[in-house]
Amino acid sequence: LHARPKKSCGRITRNRNVMRNSWVVEGTRVPTAAIRQ
């Protein structure tokens, strides 16, 4: 259930219902800003 599809690896997405519309790694709730920090 928690496994990410392989096609989502290496992709960045934005969704208004995920992390307040922040840019995140697709299939996760990890913001790109956190990775940069």
Full PDB file with SEQRES, HELIX, SHEET, SSBOND, CRYST1, ORIGX, SCALE, CONECT and MASTER records, all heavy atoms in Angstrom:
SEQRES   1 A   37  LEU HIS ALA ARG PRO LYS LYS SER CYS GLY ARG ILE THR          
SEQRES   2 A   37  ARG ASN ARG ASN VAL MET ARG ASN SER TRP VAL VAL GLU          
SEQRES   3 A   37  GLY THR ARG VAL PRO THR ALA ALA ILE ARG GLN                  
HELIX    1 AA1 LYS A    6  SER A    8  5                                   3    
HELIX    2 AA2 MET A   19  ASN A   21  5                                   3    
HELIX    3 AA3 THR A   32  ARG A   36  1                                   5    
SHEET    1 AA1 2 ILE A  12  ARG A  14  0                                        
SHEET    2 AA1 2 TRP A  23  VAL A  25 -1                                        
CRYST1    1.000    1.000    1.000  90.00  90.00  90.00 P 1           1          
ORIGX1      1.000000  0.000000  0.000000        0.00000                         
ORIGX2      0.000000  1.000000  0.000000        0.00000                         
ORIGX3      0.000000  0.000000  1.000000        0.00000                         
SCALE1      1.000000  0.000000  0.000000        0.00000                         
SCALE2      0.000000  1.000000  0.000000        0.00000                         
SCALE3      0.000000  0.000000  1.000000        0.00000                         
ATOM      1  N   LEU A   1       0.826  -1.209   0.000  1.00  0.00           N  
ATOM      2  CA  LEU A   1       0.000   0.000   0.000  1.00  0.00           C  
ATOM      3  C   LEU A   1       0.861   1.259   0.000  1.00  0.00           C  
ATOM      4  O   LEU A   1       0.521   2.252  -0.628  1.00  0.00           O  
ATOM      5  CB  LEU A   1      -0.908   0.036   1.233  1.00  0.00           C  
ATOM      6  CG  LEU A   1      -2.239  -0.668   1.122  1.00  0.00           C  
ATOM      7  CD1 LEU A   1      -2.942  -0.636   2.477  1.00  0.00           C  
ATOM      8  CD2 LEU A   1      -3.106  -0.038   0.072  1.00  0.00           C  
ATOM      9  N   HIS A   2       1.960   1.214   0.721  1.00  0.00           N  
ATOM     10  CA  HIS A   2       2.830   2.380   0.854  1.00  0.00           C  
ATOM     11  C   HIS A   2       3.909   2.450  -0.214  1.00  0.00           C  
ATOM     12  O   HIS A   2       4.631   3.446  -0.282  1.00  0.00           O  
ATOM     13  CB  HIS A   2       3.474   2.406   2.245  1.00  0.00           C  
ATOM     14  CG  HIS A   2       2.485   2.619   3.347  1.00  0.00           C  
ATOM     15  ND1 HIS A   2       1.637   3.691   3.391  1.00  0.00           N  
ATOM     16  CD2 HIS A   2       2.189   1.877   4.434  1.00  0.00           C  
ATOM     17  CE1 HIS A   2       0.873   3.612   4.458  1.00  0.00           C  
ATOM     18  NE2 HIS A   2       1.176   2.521   5.109  1.00  0.00           N  
ATOM     19  N   ALA A   3       4.016   1.430  -1.037  1.00  0.00           N  
ATOM     20  CA  ALA A   3       5.056   1.415  -2.066  1.00  0.00           C  
ATOM     21  C   ALA A   3       4.749   2.460  -3.138  1.00  0.00           C  
ATOM     22  O   ALA A   3       3.592   2.664  -3.515  1.00  0.00           O  
ATOM     23  CB  ALA A   3       5.153   0.034  -2.694  1.00  0.00           C  
ATOM     24  N   ARG A   4       5.792   3.123  -3.600  1.00  0.00           N  
ATOM     25  CA  ARG A   4       5.642   4.119  -4.661  1.00  0.00           C  
ATOM     26  C   ARG A   4       5.818   3.449  -6.006  1.00  0.00           C  
ATOM     27  O   ARG A   4       6.697   2.616  -6.168  1.00  0.00           O  
ATOM     28  CB  ARG A   4       6.718   5.189  -4.517  1.00  0.00           C  
ATOM     29  CG  ARG A   4       6.533   6.065  -3.338  1.00  0.00           C  
ATOM     30  CD  ARG A   4       7.686   7.016  -3.159  1.00  0.00           C  
ATOM     31  NE  ARG A   4       7.938   7.796  -4.363  1.00  0.00           N  
ATOM     32  CZ  ARG A   4       9.111   8.302  -4.669  1.00  0.00           C  
ATOM     33  NH1 ARG A   4      10.142   8.117  -3.893  1.00  0.00           N  
ATOM     34  NH2 ARG A   4       9.280   8.994  -5.762  1.00  0.00           N  
ATOM     35  N   PRO A   5       5.026   3.853  -6.981  1.00  0.00           N  
ATOM     36  CA  PRO A   5       5.249   3.332  -8.336  1.00  0.00           C  
ATOM     37  C   PRO A   5       6.609   3.792  -8.849  1.00  0.00           C  
ATOM     38  O   PRO A   5       7.040   4.915  -8.573  1.00  0.00           O  
ATOM     39  CB  PRO A   5       4.130   3.963  -9.161  1.00  0.00           C  
ATOM     40  CG  PRO A   5       3.169   4.561  -8.193  1.00  0.00           C  
ATOM     41  CD  PRO A   5       3.890   4.734  -6.895  1.00  0.00           C  
ATOM     42  N   LYS A   6       7.300   2.948  -9.587  1.00  0.00           N  
ATOM     43  CA  LYS A   6       8.632   3.284 -10.096  1.00  0.00           C  
ATOM     44  C   LYS A   6       8.595   4.524 -10.982  1.00  0.00           C  
ATOM     45  O   LYS A   6       9.541   5.293 -11.007  1.00  0.00           O  
ATOM     46  CB  LYS A   6       9.204   2.104 -10.874  1.00  0.00           C  
ATOM     47  CG  LYS A   6       9.435   0.895  -9.998  1.00  0.00           C  
ATOM     48  CD  LYS A   6      10.858   0.441 -10.094  1.00  0.00           C  
ATOM     49  CE  LYS A   6      11.046  -0.847  -9.351  1.00  0.00           C  
ATOM     50  NZ  LYS A   6      11.589  -0.655  -8.045  1.00  0.00           N  
ATOM     51  N   LYS A   7       7.488   4.749 -11.691  1.00  0.00           N  
ATOM     52  CA  LYS A   7       7.419   5.896 -12.594  1.00  0.00           C  
ATOM     53  C   LYS A   7       7.387   7.226 -11.838  1.00  0.00           C  
ATOM     54  O   LYS A   7       7.647   8.270 -12.410  1.00  0.00           O  
ATOM     55  CB  LYS A   7       6.219   5.791 -13.525  1.00  0.00           C  
ATOM     56  CG  LYS A   7       4.882   5.955 -12.846  1.00  0.00           C  
ATOM     57  CD  LYS A   7       3.742   5.897 -13.832  1.00  0.00           C  
ATOM     58  CE  LYS A   7       2.433   6.172 -13.115  1.00  0.00           C  
ATOM     59  NZ  LYS A   7       1.337   6.290 -14.025  1.00  0.00           N  
ATOM     60  N   SER A   8       7.082   7.206 -10.545  1.00  0.00           N  
ATOM     61  CA  SER A   8       7.046   8.448  -9.772  1.00  0.00           C  
ATOM     62  C   SER A   8       8.418   8.840  -9.226  1.00  0.00           C  
ATOM     63  O   SER A   8       8.602   9.969  -8.774  1.00  0.00           O  
ATOM     64  CB  SER A   8       6.044   8.344  -8.618  1.00  0.00           C  
ATOM     65  OG  SER A   8       6.530   7.498  -7.611  1.00  0.00           O  
ATOM     66  N   CYS A   9       9.387   7.951  -9.303  1.00  0.00           N  
ATOM     67  CA  CYS A   9      10.731   8.251  -8.809  1.00  0.00           C  
ATOM     68  C   CYS A   9      11.390   9.314  -9.684  1.00  0.00           C  
ATOM     69  O   CYS A   9      11.335   9.249 -10.905  1.00  0.00           O  
ATOM     70  CB  CYS A   9      11.587   6.997  -8.774  1.00  0.00           C  
ATOM     71  SG  CYS A   9      11.036   5.808  -7.539  1.00  0.00           S  
ATOM     72  N   GLY A  10      11.983  10.291  -9.038  1.00  0.00           N  
ATOM     73  CA  GLY A  10      12.682  11.341  -9.765  1.00  0.00           C  
ATOM     74  C   GLY A  10      11.769  12.411 -10.334  1.00  0.00           C  
ATOM     75  O   GLY A  10      12.176  13.198 -11.169  1.00  0.00           O  
ATOM     76  N   ARG A  11      10.530  12.460  -9.858  1.00  0.00           N  
ATOM     77  CA  ARG A  11       9.575  13.439 -10.364  1.00  0.00           C  
ATOM     78  C   ARG A  11       9.119  14.360  -9.239  1.00  0.00           C  
ATOM     79  O   ARG A  11       8.959  13.940  -8.103  1.00  0.00           O  
ATOM     80  CB  ARG A  11       8.371  12.735 -10.986  1.00  0.00           C  
ATOM     81  CG  ARG A  11       8.772  11.896 -12.194  1.00  0.00           C  
ATOM     82  CD  ARG A  11       7.621  11.194 -12.814  1.00  0.00           C  
ATOM     83  NE  ARG A  11       6.715  12.183 -13.391  1.00  0.00           N  
ATOM     84  CZ  ARG A  11       5.622  11.862 -14.042  1.00  0.00           C  
ATOM     85  NH1 ARG A  11       5.298  10.603 -14.205  1.00  0.00           N  
ATOM     86  NH2 ARG A  11       4.839  12.797 -14.530  1.00  0.00           N  
ATOM     87  N   ILE A  12       8.894  15.603  -9.605  1.00  0.00           N  
ATOM     88  CA  ILE A  12       8.443  16.620  -8.657  1.00  0.00           C  
ATOM     89  C   ILE A  12       7.027  17.020  -9.042  1.00  0.00           C  
ATOM     90  O   ILE A  12       6.717  17.148 -10.226  1.00  0.00           O  
ATOM     91  CB  ILE A  12       9.380  17.853  -8.706  1.00  0.00           C  
ATOM     92  CG1 ILE A  12      10.843  17.435  -8.510  1.00  0.00           C  
ATOM     93  CG2 ILE A  12       8.956  18.897  -7.694  1.00  0.00           C  
ATOM     94  CD1 ILE A  12      11.136  16.697  -7.230  1.00  0.00           C  
ATOM     95  N   THR A  13       6.189  17.216  -8.052  1.00  0.00           N  
ATOM     96  CA  THR A  13       4.796  17.547  -8.325  1.00  0.00           C  
ATOM     97  C   THR A  13       4.282  18.546  -7.307  1.00  0.00           C  
ATOM     98  O   THR A  13       4.898  18.784  -6.269  1.00  0.00           O  
ATOM     99  CB  THR A  13       3.934  16.271  -8.331  1.00  0.00           C  
ATOM    100  OG1 THR A  13       2.633  16.580  -8.819  1.00  0.00           O  
ATOM    101  CG2 THR A  13       3.835  15.660  -6.954  1.00  0.00           C  
ATOM    102  N   ARG A  14       3.118  19.074  -7.622  1.00  0.00           N  
ATOM    103  CA  ARG A  14       2.474  20.027  -6.720  1.00  0.00           C  
ATOM    104  C   ARG A  14       0.981  19.734  -6.726  1.00  0.00           C  
ATOM    105  O   ARG A  14       0.390  19.554  -7.784  1.00  0.00           O  
ATOM    106  CB  ARG A  14       2.728  21.435  -7.242  1.00  0.00           C  
ATOM    107  CG  ARG A  14       2.393  22.530  -6.314  1.00  0.00           C  
ATOM    108  CD  ARG A  14       2.800  23.825  -6.969  1.00  0.00           C  
ATOM    109  NE  ARG A  14       2.895  24.874  -5.988  1.00  0.00           N  
ATOM    110  CZ  ARG A  14       3.221  26.107  -6.277  1.00  0.00           C  
ATOM    111  NH1 ARG A  14       3.490  26.447  -7.517  1.00  0.00           N  
ATOM    112  NH2 ARG A  14       3.288  27.004  -5.342  1.00  0.00           N  
ATOM    113  N   ASN A  15       0.388  19.660  -5.546  1.00  0.00           N  
ATOM    114  CA  ASN A  15      -1.031  19.366  -5.430  1.00  0.00           C  
ATOM    115  C   ASN A  15      -1.579  20.178  -4.263  1.00  0.00           C  
ATOM    116  O   ASN A  15      -1.016  20.144  -3.164  1.00  0.00           O  
ATOM    117  CB  ASN A  15      -1.223  17.864  -5.172  1.00  0.00           C  
ATOM    118  CG  ASN A  15      -2.661  17.448  -5.093  1.00  0.00           C  
ATOM    119  OD1 ASN A  15      -3.519  18.184  -4.595  1.00  0.00           O  
ATOM    120  ND2 ASN A  15      -2.941  16.250  -5.557  1.00  0.00           N  
ATOM    121  N   ARG A  16      -2.655  20.880  -4.507  1.00  0.00           N  
ATOM    122  CA  ARG A  16      -3.179  21.754  -3.452  1.00  0.00           C  
ATOM    123  C   ARG A  16      -3.607  21.006  -2.197  1.00  0.00           C  
ATOM    124  O   ARG A  16      -3.751  21.596  -1.135  1.00  0.00           O  
ATOM    125  CB  ARG A  16      -4.324  22.603  -3.981  1.00  0.00           C  
ATOM    126  CG  ARG A  16      -5.545  21.798  -4.325  1.00  0.00           C  
ATOM    127  CD  ARG A  16      -6.626  22.676  -4.873  1.00  0.00           C  
ATOM    128  NE  ARG A  16      -7.768  21.849  -5.235  1.00  0.00           N  
ATOM    129  CZ  ARG A  16      -8.949  22.318  -5.417  1.00  0.00           C  
ATOM    130  NH1 ARG A  16      -9.177  23.597  -5.293  1.00  0.00           N  
ATOM    131  NH2 ARG A  16      -9.929  21.509  -5.745  1.00  0.00           N  
ATOM    132  N   ASN A  17      -3.814  19.700  -2.311  1.00  0.00           N  
ATOM    133  CA  ASN A  17      -4.223  18.910  -1.146  1.00  0.00           C  
ATOM    134  C   ASN A  17      -3.058  18.214  -0.447  1.00  0.00           C  
ATOM    135  O   ASN A  17      -3.265  17.457   0.487  1.00  0.00           O  
ATOM    136  CB  ASN A  17      -5.249  17.861  -1.576  1.00  0.00           C  
ATOM    137  CG  ASN A  17      -6.500  18.492  -2.122  1.00  0.00           C  
ATOM    138  OD1 ASN A  17      -7.004  19.465  -1.564  1.00  0.00           O  
ATOM    139  ND2 ASN A  17      -7.000  17.976  -3.227  1.00  0.00           N  
ATOM    140  N   VAL A  18      -1.846  18.456  -0.912  1.00  0.00           N  
ATOM    141  CA  VAL A  18      -0.660  17.818  -0.320  1.00  0.00           C  
ATOM    142  C   VAL A  18       0.299  18.901   0.136  1.00  0.00           C  
ATOM    143  O   VAL A  18       0.763  19.716  -0.658  1.00  0.00           O  
ATOM    144  CB  VAL A  18       0.033  16.883  -1.341  1.00  0.00           C  
ATOM    145  CG1 VAL A  18       1.288  16.275  -0.732  1.00  0.00           C  
ATOM    146  CG2 VAL A  18      -0.920  15.794  -1.807  1.00  0.00           C  
ATOM    147  N   MET A  19       0.588  18.912   1.396  1.00  0.00           N  
ATOM    148  CA  MET A  19       1.566  19.830   1.983  1.00  0.00           C  
ATOM    149  C   MET A  19       1.306  21.294   1.601  1.00  0.00           C  
ATOM    150  O   MET A  19       2.235  22.028   1.261  1.00  0.00           O  
ATOM    151  CB  MET A  19       2.993  19.424   1.604  1.00  0.00           C  
ATOM    152  CG  MET A  19       3.415  18.065   2.111  1.00  0.00           C  
ATOM    153  SD  MET A  19       3.394  17.906   3.894  1.00  0.00           S  
ATOM    154  CE  MET A  19       4.703  18.995   4.346  1.00  0.00           C  
ATOM    155  N   ARG A  20       0.059  21.673   1.634  1.00  0.00           N  
ATOM    156  CA  ARG A  20      -0.340  23.069   1.374  1.00  0.00           C  
ATOM    157  C   ARG A  20       0.189  23.594   0.047  1.00  0.00           C  
ATOM    158  O   ARG A  20       0.674  24.714  -0.055  1.00  0.00           O  
ATOM    159  CB  ARG A  20       0.111  23.972   2.509  1.00  0.00           C  
ATOM    160  CG  ARG A  20      -0.536  23.612   3.816  1.00  0.00           C  
ATOM    161  CD  ARG A  20      -0.105  24.557   4.883  1.00  0.00           C  
ATOM    162  NE  ARG A  20      -0.766  24.202   6.119  1.00  0.00           N  
ATOM    163  CZ  ARG A  20      -0.384  24.598   7.288  1.00  0.00           C  
ATOM    164  NH1 ARG A  20       0.674  25.370   7.411  1.00  0.00           N  
ATOM    165  NH2 ARG A  20      -1.033  24.240   8.353  1.00  0.00           N  
ATOM    166  N   ASN A  21       0.111  22.759  -0.966  1.00  0.00           N  
ATOM    167  CA  ASN A  21       0.480  23.123  -2.333  1.00  0.00           C  
ATOM    168  C   ASN A  21       1.980  23.360  -2.507  1.00  0.00           C  
ATOM    169  O   ASN A  21       2.409  24.019  -3.444  1.00  0.00           O  
ATOM    170  CB  ASN A  21      -0.314  24.336  -2.814  1.00  0.00           C  
ATOM    171  CG  ASN A  21      -0.454  24.382  -4.314  1.00  0.00           C  
ATOM    172  OD1 ASN A  21      -0.525  23.339  -4.966  1.00  0.00           O  
ATOM    173  ND2 ASN A  21      -0.480  25.569  -4.879  1.00  0.00           N  
ATOM    174  N   SER A  22       2.797  22.817  -1.632  1.00  0.00           N  
ATOM    175  CA  SER A  22       4.254  22.918  -1.777  1.00  0.00           C  
ATOM    176  C   SER A  22       4.719  21.934  -2.841  1.00  0.00           C  
ATOM    177  O   SER A  22       4.076  20.922  -3.105  1.00  0.00           O  
ATOM    178  CB  SER A  22       4.951  22.567  -0.465  1.00  0.00           C  
ATOM    179  OG  SER A  22       4.623  23.487   0.533  1.00  0.00           O  
ATOM    180  N   TRP A  23       5.861  22.221  -3.444  1.00  0.00           N  
ATOM    181  CA  TRP A  23       6.477  21.273  -4.369  1.00  0.00           C  
ATOM    182  C   TRP A  23       7.011  20.109  -3.556  1.00  0.00           C  
ATOM    183  O   TRP A  23       7.725  20.307  -2.571  1.00  0.00           O  
ATOM    184  CB  TRP A  23       7.612  21.943  -5.137  1.00  0.00           C  
ATOM    185  CG  TRP A  23       7.137  22.949  -6.122  1.00  0.00           C  
ATOM    186  CD1 TRP A  23       7.165  24.303  -5.983  1.00  0.00           C  
ATOM    187  CD2 TRP A  23       6.550  22.691  -7.394  1.00  0.00           C  
ATOM    188  NE1 TRP A  23       6.629  24.911  -7.093  1.00  0.00           N  
ATOM    189  CE2 TRP A  23       6.243  23.935  -7.988  1.00  0.00           C  
ATOM    190  CE3 TRP A  23       6.240  21.530  -8.103  1.00  0.00           C  
ATOM    191  CZ2 TRP A  23       5.659  24.053  -9.245  1.00  0.00           C  
ATOM    192  CZ3 TRP A  23       5.665  21.654  -9.357  1.00  0.00           C  
ATOM    193  CH2 TRP A  23       5.383  22.889  -9.909  1.00  0.00           C  
ATOM    194  N   VAL A  24       6.641  18.896  -3.944  1.00  0.00           N  
ATOM    195  CA  VAL A  24       7.057  17.690  -3.227  1.00  0.00           C  
ATOM    196  C   VAL A  24       7.560  16.643  -4.217  1.00  0.00           C  
ATOM    197  O   VAL A  24       7.299  16.725  -5.418  1.00  0.00           O  
ATOM    198  CB  VAL A  24       5.909  17.074  -2.397  1.00  0.00           C  
ATOM    199  CG1 VAL A  24       5.432  18.016  -1.321  1.00  0.00           C  
ATOM    200  CG2 VAL A  24       4.757  16.646  -3.279  1.00  0.00           C  
ATOM    201  N   VAL A  25       8.270  15.654  -3.698  1.00  0.00           N  
ATOM    202  CA  VAL A  25       8.668  14.503  -4.499  1.00  0.00           C  
ATOM    203  C   VAL A  25       7.407  13.681  -4.730  1.00  0.00           C  
ATOM    204  O   VAL A  25       6.683  13.368  -3.784  1.00  0.00           O  
ATOM    205  CB  VAL A  25       9.748  13.675  -3.774  1.00  0.00           C  
ATOM    206  CG1 VAL A  25      10.077  12.422  -4.550  1.00  0.00           C  
ATOM    207  CG2 VAL A  25      10.982  14.515  -3.517  1.00  0.00           C  
ATOM    208  N   GLU A  26       7.140  13.372  -5.982  1.00  0.00           N  
ATOM    209  CA  GLU A  26       5.901  12.662  -6.330  1.00  0.00           C  
ATOM    210  C   GLU A  26       5.774  11.350  -5.567  1.00  0.00           C  
ATOM    211  O   GLU A  26       6.745  10.606  -5.415  1.00  0.00           O  
ATOM    212  CB  GLU A  26       5.862  12.379  -7.827  1.00  0.00           C  
ATOM    213  CG  GLU A  26       4.531  11.831  -8.287  1.00  0.00           C  
ATOM    214  CD  GLU A  26       4.442  11.727  -9.786  1.00  0.00           C  
ATOM    215  OE1 GLU A  26       4.686  12.741 -10.475  1.00  0.00           O  
ATOM    216  OE2 GLU A  26       4.130  10.633 -10.266  1.00  0.00           O  
ATOM    217  N   GLY A  27       4.584  11.099  -5.056  1.00  0.00           N  
ATOM    218  CA  GLY A  27       4.316   9.876  -4.311  1.00  0.00           C  
ATOM    219  C   GLY A  27       4.703   9.960  -2.845  1.00  0.00           C  
ATOM    220  O   GLY A  27       4.591   8.978  -2.123  1.00  0.00           O  
ATOM    221  N   THR A  28       5.173  11.136  -2.404  1.00  0.00           N  
ATOM    222  CA  THR A  28       5.554  11.325  -1.005  1.00  0.00           C  
ATOM    223  C   THR A  28       4.962  12.651  -0.518  1.00  0.00           C  
ATOM    224  O   THR A  28       4.316  13.358  -1.272  1.00  0.00           O  
ATOM    225  CB  THR A  28       7.085  11.394  -0.821  1.00  0.00           C  
ATOM    226  OG1 THR A  28       7.565  12.640  -1.322  1.00  0.00           O  
ATOM    227  CG2 THR A  28       7.781  10.249  -1.520  1.00  0.00           C  
ATOM    228  N   ARG A  29       5.249  12.964   0.701  1.00  0.00           N  
ATOM    229  CA  ARG A  29       4.893  14.265   1.254  1.00  0.00           C  
ATOM    230  C   ARG A  29       6.169  15.022   1.639  1.00  0.00           C  
ATOM    231  O   ARG A  29       6.157  15.875   2.511  1.00  0.00           O  
ATOM    232  CB  ARG A  29       3.980  14.086   2.465  1.00  0.00           C  
ATOM    233  CG  ARG A  29       2.663  13.391   2.130  1.00  0.00           C  
ATOM    234  CD  ARG A  29       1.806  13.150   3.345  1.00  0.00           C  
ATOM    235  NE  ARG A  29       1.320  14.370   3.948  1.00  0.00           N  
ATOM    236  CZ  ARG A  29       0.241  15.044   3.561  1.00  0.00           C  
ATOM    237  NH1 ARG A  29      -0.457  14.606   2.542  1.00  0.00           N  
ATOM    238  NH2 ARG A  29      -0.141  16.134   4.189  1.00  0.00           N  
ATOM    239  N   VAL A  30       7.260  14.703   0.972  1.00  0.00           N  
ATOM    240  CA  VAL A  30       8.557  15.315   1.275  1.00  0.00           C  
ATOM    241  C   VAL A  30       8.740  16.549   0.391  1.00  0.00           C  
ATOM    242  O   VAL A  30       8.864  16.428  -0.824  1.00  0.00           O  
ATOM    243  CB  VAL A  30       9.713  14.326   1.045  1.00  0.00           C  
ATOM    244  CG1 VAL A  30      11.040  14.984   1.360  1.00  0.00           C  
ATOM    245  CG2 VAL A  30       9.520  13.069   1.876  1.00  0.00           C  
ATOM    246  N   PRO A  31       8.758  17.741   0.985  1.00  0.00           N  
ATOM    247  CA  PRO A  31       8.933  18.961   0.195  1.00  0.00           C  
ATOM    248  C   PRO A  31      10.346  19.068  -0.373  1.00  0.00           C  
ATOM    249  O   PRO A  31      11.325  18.687   0.277  1.00  0.00           O  
ATOM    250  CB  PRO A  31       8.697  20.095   1.200  1.00  0.00           C  
ATOM    251  CG  PRO A  31       8.098  19.464   2.401  1.00  0.00           C  
ATOM    252  CD  PRO A  31       8.505  18.026   2.389  1.00  0.00           C  
ATOM    253  N   THR A  32      10.423  19.607  -1.579  1.00  0.00           N  
ATOM    254  CA  THR A  32      11.740  19.803  -2.196  1.00  0.00           C  
ATOM    255  C   THR A  32      12.562  20.792  -1.379  1.00  0.00           C  
ATOM    256  O   THR A  32      13.777  20.681  -1.315  1.00  0.00           O  
ATOM    257  CB  THR A  32      11.606  20.288  -3.644  1.00  0.00           C  
ATOM    258  OG1 THR A  32      10.865  21.503  -3.677  1.00  0.00           O  
ATOM    259  CG2 THR A  32      10.935  19.250  -4.515  1.00  0.00           C  
ATOM    260  N   ALA A  33      11.904  21.743  -0.741  1.00  0.00           N  
ATOM    261  CA  ALA A  33      12.612  22.725   0.086  1.00  0.00           C  
ATOM    262  C   ALA A  33      13.326  22.039   1.253  1.00  0.00           C  
ATOM    263  O   ALA A  33      14.434  22.435   1.633  1.00  0.00           O  
ATOM    264  CB  ALA A  33      11.652  23.783   0.594  1.00  0.00           C  
ATOM    265  N   ALA A  34      12.729  21.004   1.817  1.00  0.00           N  
ATOM    266  CA  ALA A  34      13.365  20.279   2.923  1.00  0.00           C  
ATOM    267  C   ALA A  34      14.626  19.574   2.441  1.00  0.00           C  
ATOM    268  O   ALA A  34      15.655  19.575   3.126  1.00  0.00           O  
ATOM    269  CB  ALA A  34      12.391  19.267   3.522  1.00  0.00           C  
ATOM    270  N   ILE A  35      14.574  19.011   1.248  1.00  0.00           N  
ATOM    271  CA  ILE A  35      15.747  18.336   0.694  1.00  0.00           C  
ATOM    272  C   ILE A  35      16.858  19.355   0.447  1.00  0.00           C  
ATOM    273  O   ILE A  35      18.022  19.108   0.740  1.00  0.00           O  
ATOM    274  CB  ILE A  35      15.371  17.574  -0.591  1.00  0.00           C  
ATOM    275  CG1 ILE A  35      14.392  16.445  -0.239  1.00  0.00           C  
ATOM    276  CG2 ILE A  35      16.612  17.020  -1.284  1.00  0.00           C  
ATOM    277  CD1 ILE A  35      13.763  15.765  -1.424  1.00  0.00           C  
ATOM    278  N   ARG A  36      16.491  20.533  -0.084  1.00  0.00           N  
ATOM    279  CA  ARG A  36      17.468  21.596  -0.309  1.00  0.00           C  
ATOM    280  C   ARG A  36      18.113  22.014   1.003  1.00  0.00           C  
ATOM    281  O   ARG A  36      19.332  22.178   1.090  1.00  0.00           O  
ATOM    282  CB  ARG A  36      16.817  22.812  -0.972  1.00  0.00           C  
ATOM    283  CG  ARG A  36      17.786  23.981  -1.147  1.00  0.00           C  
ATOM    284  CD  ARG A  36      17.103  25.221  -1.695  1.00  0.00           C  
ATOM    285  NE  ARG A  36      15.816  25.532  -1.109  1.00  0.00           N  
ATOM    286  CZ  ARG A  36      15.629  26.178   0.044  1.00  0.00           C  
ATOM    287  NH1 ARG A  36      16.659  26.572   0.758  1.00  0.00           N  
ATOM    288  NH2 ARG A  36      14.413  26.417   0.492  1.00  0.00           N  
ATOM    289  N   GLN A  37      17.322  22.156   2.055  1.00  0.00           N  
ATOM    290  CA  GLN A  37      17.850  22.573   3.352  1.00  0.00           C  
ATOM    291  C   GLN A  37      18.823  21.535   3.915  1.00  0.00           C  
ATOM    292  O   GLN A  37      19.860  21.894   4.477  1.00  0.00           O  
ATOM    293  CB  GLN A  37      16.713  22.833   4.328  1.00  0.00           C  
ATOM    294  CG  GLN A  37      15.916  24.073   3.958  1.00  0.00           C  
ATOM    295  CD  GLN A  37      14.633  24.204   4.751  1.00  0.00           C  
ATOM    296  OE1 GLN A  37      14.201  23.277   5.427  1.00  0.00           O  
ATOM    297  NE2 GLN A  37      14.004  25.367   4.651  1.00  0.00           N  
TER     298      GLN A  37                                                      
MASTER        0    0    0    3    2    0    0    6  297    1    0    3          
END                                                                             
